[in-house]
Amino acid sequence: MIGLLQRSKEKKQKLVLVYIDHDNQITQRLIRVVEINRNSILAYCFYRQQLRRFTFKNILSCGPVKRKESA
C-alpha cells in the first residue's frame, strides 16, 4: 500500500480510499496524496474539498481510479 501511495503522490494521480472515519463508519473517498508520514497520509479529499489526514490503521483499502471505457 505504501508503494501505491508514493507512486500516486509522485504522479499526482487520484486514488479511491476506503476508510473508517471518526464515527467508526466505513466511507469511500477520492483523494490525491500530498504527504506521507510514518502513521498517516495528508491528502486532498475531493468529497470534503479540503486537505484531510488519514491514519494508516483506519485505511481498509486503496486503489487507482478506474477509467470508464469509451463506446
C-alpha atoms as a PDB file:
ATOM      1  CA  MET A   1       0.000   0.000   0.000  1.00  0.00           C
ATOM      2  CA  ILE A   2       2.842   2.426   0.809  1.00  0.00           C
ATOM      3  CA  GLY A   3       4.284   1.914  -2.678  1.00  0.00           C
ATOM      4  CA  LEU A   4       0.936   2.719  -4.291  1.00  0.00           C
ATOM      5  CA  LEU A   5       0.583   5.854  -2.166  1.00  0.00           C
ATOM      6  CA  GLN A   6       4.116   7.001  -3.032  1.00  0.00           C
ATOM      7  CA  ARG A   7       3.593   6.436  -6.775  1.00  0.00           C
ATOM      8  CA  SER A   8       0.291   8.282  -6.741  1.00  0.00           C
ATOM      9  CA  LYS A   9       1.932  11.192  -4.914  1.00  0.00           C
ATOM     10  CA  GLU A  10       4.809  11.365  -7.404  1.00  0.00           C
ATOM     11  CA  LYS A  11       2.497  11.155 -10.429  1.00  0.00           C
ATOM     12  CA  LYS A  12      -0.240  13.293  -8.830  1.00  0.00           C
ATOM     13  CA  GLN A  13      -2.802  10.560  -9.512  1.00  0.00           C
ATOM     14  CA  LYS A  14      -6.131  10.221  -7.749  1.00  0.00           C
ATOM     15  CA  LEU A  15      -6.853   7.214  -5.544  1.00  0.00           C
ATOM     16  CA  VAL A  16     -10.017   5.685  -4.151  1.00  0.00           C
ATOM     17  CA  LEU A  17      -9.669   5.172  -0.405  1.00  0.00           C
ATOM     18  CA  VAL A  18     -11.944   3.018   1.772  1.00  0.00           C
ATOM     19  CA  TYR A  19     -11.603   4.297   5.306  1.00  0.00           C
ATOM     20  CA  ILE A  20     -13.087   4.061   8.811  1.00  0.00           C
ATOM     21  CA  ASP A  21     -13.949   7.603   9.924  1.00  0.00           C
ATOM     22  CA  HIS A  22     -14.004   9.051  13.462  1.00  0.00           C
ATOM     23  CA  ASP A  23     -17.589   7.773  13.939  1.00  0.00           C
ATOM     24  CA  ASN A  24     -16.496   4.211  13.022  1.00  0.00           C
ATOM     25  CA  GLN A  25     -18.395   4.432   9.738  1.00  0.00           C
ATOM     26  CA  ILE A  26     -16.920   2.982   6.566  1.00  0.00           C
ATOM     27  CA  THR A  27     -16.526   5.680   3.947  1.00  0.00           C
ATOM     28  CA  GLN A  28     -15.103   5.861   0.447  1.00  0.00           C
ATOM     29  CA  ARG A  29     -13.122   8.913  -0.600  1.00  0.00           C
ATOM     30  CA  LEU A  30     -11.499  10.147  -3.772  1.00  0.00           C
ATOM     31  CA  ILE A  31      -8.128  11.608  -2.772  1.00  0.00           C
ATOM     32  CA  ARG A  32      -4.849  12.988  -4.078  1.00  0.00           C
ATOM     33  CA  VAL A  33      -1.863  12.275  -1.785  1.00  0.00           C
ATOM     34  CA  VAL A  34       0.107  15.340  -0.681  1.00  0.00           C
ATOM     35  CA  GLU A  35       2.356  13.948   2.062  1.00  0.00           C
ATOM     36  CA  ILE A  36       3.160  10.551   3.560  1.00  0.00           C
ATOM     37  CA  ASN A  37       4.172  10.304   7.222  1.00  0.00           C
ATOM     38  CA  ARG A  38       5.019   7.389   9.478  1.00  0.00           C
ATOM     39  CA  ASN A  39       1.445   6.847  10.699  1.00  0.00           C
ATOM     40  CA  SER A  40      -0.719   8.761   8.242  1.00  0.00           C
ATOM     41  CA  ILE A  41      -1.117  10.482   4.911  1.00  0.00           C
ATOM     42  CA  LEU A  42      -2.133  14.029   4.173  1.00  0.00           C
ATOM     43  CA  ALA A  43      -4.345  14.131   1.110  1.00  0.00           C
ATOM     44  CA  TYR A  44      -6.733  16.399  -0.711  1.00  0.00           C
ATOM     45  CA  CYS A  45     -10.207  14.895  -0.291  1.00  0.00           C
ATOM     46  CA  PHE A  46     -12.448  15.647  -3.264  1.00  0.00           C
ATOM     47  CA  TYR A  47     -15.557  14.810  -1.207  1.00  0.00           C
ATOM     48  CA  ARG A  48     -14.771  17.338   1.551  1.00  0.00           C
ATOM     49  CA  GLN A  49     -12.904  19.658  -0.841  1.00  0.00           C
ATOM     50  CA  GLN A  50     -10.090  20.175   1.623  1.00  0.00           C
ATOM     51  CA  LEU A  51      -6.893  18.654   2.941  1.00  0.00           C
ATOM     52  CA  ARG A  52      -7.527  15.755   5.317  1.00  0.00           C
ATOM     53  CA  ARG A  53      -5.293  13.452   7.344  1.00  0.00           C
ATOM     54  CA  PHE A  54      -5.939   9.691   7.084  1.00  0.00           C
ATOM     55  CA  THR A  55      -4.269   7.342   9.586  1.00  0.00           C
ATOM     56  CA  PHE A  56      -2.937   4.069   8.218  1.00  0.00           C
ATOM     57  CA  LYS A  57      -4.670   1.982  10.896  1.00  0.00           C
ATOM     58  CA  ASN A  58      -8.065   3.190   9.609  1.00  0.00           C
ATOM     59  CA  ILE A  59      -7.401   2.630   5.908  1.00  0.00           C
ATOM     60  CA  LEU A  60      -9.135  -0.555   4.768  1.00  0.00           C
ATOM     61  CA  SER A  61      -8.066  -0.369   1.121  1.00  0.00           C
ATOM     62  CA  CYS A  62      -6.888   1.977  -1.572  1.00  0.00           C
ATOM     63  CA  GLY A  63      -6.529   1.710  -5.297  1.00  0.00           C
ATOM     64  CA  PRO A  64      -6.310   3.630  -8.533  1.00  0.00           C
ATOM     65  CA  VAL A  65      -9.352   5.316 -10.006  1.00  0.00           C
ATOM     66  CA  LYS A  66     -10.785   3.134 -12.745  1.00  0.00           C
ATOM     67  CA  ARG A  67     -11.313   4.920 -16.015  1.00  0.00           C
ATOM     68  CA  LYS A  68     -14.520   4.458 -17.945  1.00  0.00           C
ATOM     69  CA  GLU A  69     -14.104   2.903 -21.365  1.00  0.00           C
ATOM     70  CA  SER A  70     -15.487   4.972 -24.202  1.00  0.00           C
ATOM     71  CA  ALA A  71     -18.049   3.412 -26.540  1.00  0.00           C
END
